[in-house]
Amino acid sequence: MHSPYKLATLFAVFGMLIGIAAFMFNYYLIPVTLPGYEILLAPAMLALSFFSEETYFTPKMIILLSGQFVGYFIVAFTFLAIKK
């Protein structure tokens, strides 16, 4: 049996990969809003909402990825805790 922390961490890393893929697709390929973009990146958007648009790209990307990780980790860990 895997630890809930391990499974939640794997889910959070998967959430970060989703965030990176959605951001790169939106930034480099097609400058339109993807369907579900706001839902998939909701934790990152919440984390970024506290900072201004004048924030440099690198700190903004770190905040985006951190928000994605924390948000997906909390959702997965809560789900696994309730499931037990």
N, C-alpha and C. Protein backbone atom coordinates (compact mmCIF):
# COMPACT_ATOMS: atom_id res chain seq x y z
N MET A 1 0.85 -1.18 0.00
CA MET A 1 0.00 0.00 0.00
C MET A 1 0.89 1.23 0.00
N HIS A 2 0.60 2.14 -0.88
CA HIS A 2 1.38 3.37 -0.97
C HIS A 2 0.91 4.38 0.05
N SER A 3 1.83 5.20 0.47
CA SER A 3 1.51 6.28 1.40
C SER A 3 0.67 7.34 0.69
N PRO A 4 -0.29 7.96 1.42
CA PRO A 4 -1.07 9.04 0.79
C PRO A 4 -0.19 10.21 0.37
N TYR A 5 0.91 10.42 1.09
CA TYR A 5 1.83 11.51 0.72
C TYR A 5 2.48 11.24 -0.63
N LYS A 6 2.87 9.98 -0.87
CA LYS A 6 3.49 9.63 -2.15
C LYS A 6 2.51 9.80 -3.30
N LEU A 7 1.31 9.29 -3.11
CA LEU A 7 0.31 9.40 -4.18
C LEU A 7 -0.08 10.85 -4.43
N ALA A 8 -0.23 11.63 -3.36
CA ALA A 8 -0.58 13.04 -3.52
C ALA A 8 0.56 13.80 -4.20
N THR A 9 1.80 13.44 -3.88
CA THR A 9 2.95 14.09 -4.52
C THR A 9 3.01 13.75 -6.00
N LEU A 10 2.75 12.50 -6.35
CA LEU A 10 2.72 12.12 -7.76
C LEU A 10 1.61 12.86 -8.50
N PHE A 11 0.46 12.97 -7.88
CA PHE A 11 -0.65 13.71 -8.48
C PHE A 11 -0.29 15.17 -8.65
N ALA A 12 0.41 15.75 -7.67
CA ALA A 12 0.82 17.16 -7.73
C ALA A 12 1.85 17.38 -8.84
N VAL A 13 2.78 16.47 -8.99
CA VAL A 13 3.77 16.58 -10.08
C VAL A 13 3.06 16.47 -11.43
N PHE A 14 2.09 15.57 -11.52
CA PHE A 14 1.29 15.46 -12.74
C PHE A 14 0.54 16.77 -13.01
N GLY A 15 0.04 17.41 -11.96
CA GLY A 15 -0.63 18.70 -12.10
C GLY A 15 0.32 19.78 -12.59
N MET A 16 1.57 19.74 -12.10
CA MET A 16 2.57 20.69 -12.58
C MET A 16 2.85 20.47 -14.07
N LEU A 17 2.95 19.22 -14.48
CA LEU A 17 3.19 18.92 -15.90
C LEU A 17 2.02 19.40 -16.76
N ILE A 18 0.81 19.24 -16.26
CA ILE A 18 -0.36 19.76 -16.98
C ILE A 18 -0.25 21.27 -17.10
N GLY A 19 0.14 21.92 -16.01
CA GLY A 19 0.28 23.37 -16.02
C GLY A 19 1.34 23.85 -17.00
N ILE A 20 2.48 23.17 -17.02
CA ILE A 20 3.54 23.54 -17.95
C ILE A 20 3.08 23.34 -19.40
N ALA A 21 2.44 22.20 -19.66
CA ALA A 21 1.98 21.92 -21.03
C ALA A 21 0.94 22.94 -21.49
N ALA A 22 -0.01 23.26 -20.62
CA ALA A 22 -1.05 24.23 -20.99
C ALA A 22 -0.45 25.61 -21.20
N PHE A 23 0.48 25.99 -20.34
CA PHE A 23 1.12 27.30 -20.48
C PHE A 23 1.93 27.38 -21.76
N MET A 24 2.75 26.36 -22.03
CA MET A 24 3.57 26.37 -23.24
C MET A 24 2.71 26.36 -24.51
N PHE A 25 1.64 25.59 -24.50
CA PHE A 25 0.75 25.57 -25.66
C PHE A 25 0.15 26.95 -25.89
N ASN A 26 -0.30 27.57 -24.81
CA ASN A 26 -0.94 28.88 -24.92
C ASN A 26 0.08 29.96 -25.26
N TYR A 27 1.30 29.86 -24.76
CA TYR A 27 2.30 30.91 -24.93
C TYR A 27 3.00 30.82 -26.29
N TYR A 28 3.36 29.62 -26.71
CA TYR A 28 4.17 29.46 -27.92
C TYR A 28 3.38 29.09 -29.17
N LEU A 29 2.36 28.29 -29.06
CA LEU A 29 1.69 27.79 -30.25
C LEU A 29 0.50 28.64 -30.67
N ILE A 30 -0.50 28.68 -29.85
CA ILE A 30 -1.74 29.37 -30.23
C ILE A 30 -2.12 30.34 -29.11
N PRO A 31 -2.17 31.63 -29.40
CA PRO A 31 -2.50 32.61 -28.35
C PRO A 31 -4.01 32.75 -28.11
N VAL A 32 -4.68 31.63 -27.90
CA VAL A 32 -6.10 31.65 -27.56
C VAL A 32 -6.30 30.88 -26.26
N THR A 33 -7.42 31.09 -25.63
CA THR A 33 -7.70 30.39 -24.39
C THR A 33 -8.13 28.96 -24.70
N LEU A 34 -7.48 28.01 -24.07
CA LEU A 34 -7.84 26.61 -24.24
C LEU A 34 -9.11 26.31 -23.45
N PRO A 35 -9.94 25.40 -23.94
CA PRO A 35 -11.10 25.00 -23.15
C PRO A 35 -10.63 24.30 -21.87
N GLY A 36 -11.11 24.74 -20.75
CA GLY A 36 -10.72 24.14 -19.47
C GLY A 36 -9.45 24.70 -18.88
N TYR A 37 -8.84 25.69 -19.52
CA TYR A 37 -7.59 26.27 -19.05
C TYR A 37 -7.74 26.83 -17.64
N GLU A 38 -8.87 27.53 -17.40
CA GLU A 38 -9.09 28.14 -16.09
C GLU A 38 -9.29 27.09 -15.01
N ILE A 39 -9.85 25.94 -15.37
CA ILE A 39 -10.09 24.88 -14.39
C ILE A 39 -8.79 24.13 -14.10
N LEU A 40 -8.05 23.78 -15.15
CA LEU A 40 -6.80 23.04 -14.95
C LEU A 40 -5.76 23.86 -14.20
N LEU A 41 -5.73 25.16 -14.44
CA LEU A 41 -4.74 26.02 -13.80
C LEU A 41 -5.33 26.87 -12.68
N ALA A 42 -6.43 26.43 -12.10
CA ALA A 42 -7.08 27.21 -11.03
C ALA A 42 -6.16 27.44 -9.83
N PRO A 43 -5.42 26.43 -9.34
CA PRO A 43 -4.53 26.70 -8.21
C PRO A 43 -3.44 27.72 -8.55
N ALA A 44 -2.91 27.64 -9.76
CA ALA A 44 -1.87 28.59 -10.18
C ALA A 44 -2.44 29.98 -10.34
N MET A 45 -3.63 30.09 -10.90
CA MET A 45 -4.26 31.41 -11.07
C MET A 45 -4.56 32.05 -9.72
N LEU A 46 -4.96 31.23 -8.75
CA LEU A 46 -5.20 31.75 -7.41
C LEU A 46 -3.90 32.26 -6.80
N ALA A 47 -2.82 31.51 -6.95
CA ALA A 47 -1.52 31.94 -6.41
C ALA A 47 -1.03 33.21 -7.11
N LEU A 48 -1.25 33.31 -8.41
CA LEU A 48 -0.79 34.49 -9.16
C LEU A 48 -1.66 35.72 -8.94
N SER A 49 -2.87 35.53 -8.45
CA SER A 49 -3.78 36.66 -8.29
C SER A 49 -3.32 37.67 -7.24
N PHE A 50 -2.40 37.27 -6.38
CA PHE A 50 -1.90 38.16 -5.34
C PHE A 50 -0.74 39.04 -5.80
N PHE A 51 -0.28 38.84 -7.03
CA PHE A 51 0.86 39.58 -7.55
C PHE A 51 0.45 40.42 -8.75
N SER A 52 1.18 41.49 -8.99
CA SER A 52 0.82 42.39 -10.09
C SER A 52 1.31 41.83 -11.43
N GLU A 53 0.83 42.42 -12.50
CA GLU A 53 1.25 42.00 -13.83
C GLU A 53 2.67 42.44 -14.16
N GLU A 54 3.22 43.35 -13.37
CA GLU A 54 4.57 43.83 -13.62
C GLU A 54 5.64 42.89 -13.07
N THR A 55 5.24 41.81 -12.44
CA THR A 55 6.19 40.84 -11.92
C THR A 55 6.94 40.21 -13.10
N TYR A 56 8.25 40.03 -12.93
CA TYR A 56 9.06 39.44 -13.99
C TYR A 56 8.62 38.01 -14.29
N PHE A 57 9.01 37.51 -15.46
CA PHE A 57 8.55 36.21 -15.94
C PHE A 57 9.00 35.06 -15.05
N THR A 58 10.28 35.04 -14.66
CA THR A 58 10.80 33.91 -13.89
C THR A 58 10.11 33.75 -12.54
N PRO A 59 9.99 34.80 -11.72
CA PRO A 59 9.25 34.61 -10.46
C PRO A 59 7.79 34.24 -10.69
N LYS A 60 7.21 34.77 -11.75
CA LYS A 60 5.81 34.45 -12.05
C LYS A 60 5.67 32.97 -12.40
N MET A 61 6.63 32.43 -13.15
CA MET A 61 6.58 31.01 -13.50
C MET A 61 6.79 30.13 -12.28
N ILE A 62 7.67 30.55 -11.38
CA ILE A 62 7.89 29.80 -10.13
C ILE A 62 6.62 29.80 -9.29
N ILE A 63 5.95 30.94 -9.21
CA ILE A 63 4.70 31.03 -8.45
C ILE A 63 3.63 30.16 -9.11
N LEU A 64 3.56 30.17 -10.44
CA LEU A 64 2.59 29.36 -11.16
C LEU A 64 2.79 27.88 -10.85
N LEU A 65 4.03 27.41 -10.95
CA LEU A 65 4.30 25.99 -10.71
C LEU A 65 4.11 25.62 -9.25
N SER A 66 4.49 26.51 -8.34
CA SER A 66 4.29 26.24 -6.91
C SER A 66 2.80 26.17 -6.58
N GLY A 67 2.04 27.09 -7.13
CA GLY A 67 0.59 27.07 -6.91
C GLY A 67 -0.05 25.82 -7.45
N GLN A 68 0.38 25.39 -8.63
CA GLN A 68 -0.13 24.15 -9.20
C GLN A 68 0.18 22.97 -8.29
N PHE A 69 1.43 22.88 -7.83
CA PHE A 69 1.83 21.76 -6.99
C PHE A 69 1.03 21.73 -5.71
N VAL A 70 0.97 22.86 -5.01
CA VAL A 70 0.28 22.91 -3.72
C VAL A 70 -1.21 22.63 -3.90
N GLY A 71 -1.82 23.22 -4.90
CA GLY A 71 -3.25 23.01 -5.13
C GLY A 71 -3.60 21.56 -5.42
N TYR A 72 -2.87 20.96 -6.34
CA TYR A 72 -3.14 19.57 -6.69
C TYR A 72 -2.80 18.64 -5.53
N PHE A 73 -1.75 18.95 -4.77
CA PHE A 73 -1.39 18.13 -3.61
C PHE A 73 -2.50 18.15 -2.57
N ILE A 74 -3.03 19.34 -2.28
CA ILE A 74 -4.09 19.46 -1.27
C ILE A 74 -5.34 18.70 -1.72
N VAL A 75 -5.71 18.84 -2.98
CA VAL A 75 -6.89 18.14 -3.48
C VAL A 75 -6.69 16.63 -3.39
N ALA A 76 -5.56 16.13 -3.83
CA ALA A 76 -5.31 14.69 -3.82
C ALA A 76 -5.21 14.15 -2.40
N PHE A 77 -4.51 14.86 -1.53
CA PHE A 77 -4.35 14.38 -0.16
C PHE A 77 -5.69 14.38 0.57
N THR A 78 -6.50 15.42 0.36
CA THR A 78 -7.82 15.47 0.98
C THR A 78 -8.70 14.33 0.48
N PHE A 79 -8.67 14.08 -0.82
CA PHE A 79 -9.45 12.98 -1.39
C PHE A 79 -9.00 11.64 -0.80
N LEU A 80 -7.70 11.42 -0.71
CA LEU A 80 -7.20 10.16 -0.17
C LEU A 80 -7.50 10.01 1.32
N ALA A 81 -7.47 11.12 2.06
CA ALA A 81 -7.79 11.06 3.49
C ALA A 81 -9.27 10.75 3.71
N ILE A 82 -10.13 11.33 2.89
CA ILE A 82 -11.57 11.05 3.01
C ILE A 82 -11.88 9.62 2.57
N LYS A 83 -11.16 9.16 1.56
CA LYS A 83 -11.38 7.81 1.03
C LYS A 83 -11.05 6.74 2.08
N LYS A 84 -10.04 6.99 2.91
CA LYS A 84 -9.67 6.04 3.95
C LYS A 84 -10.73 6.06 4.99
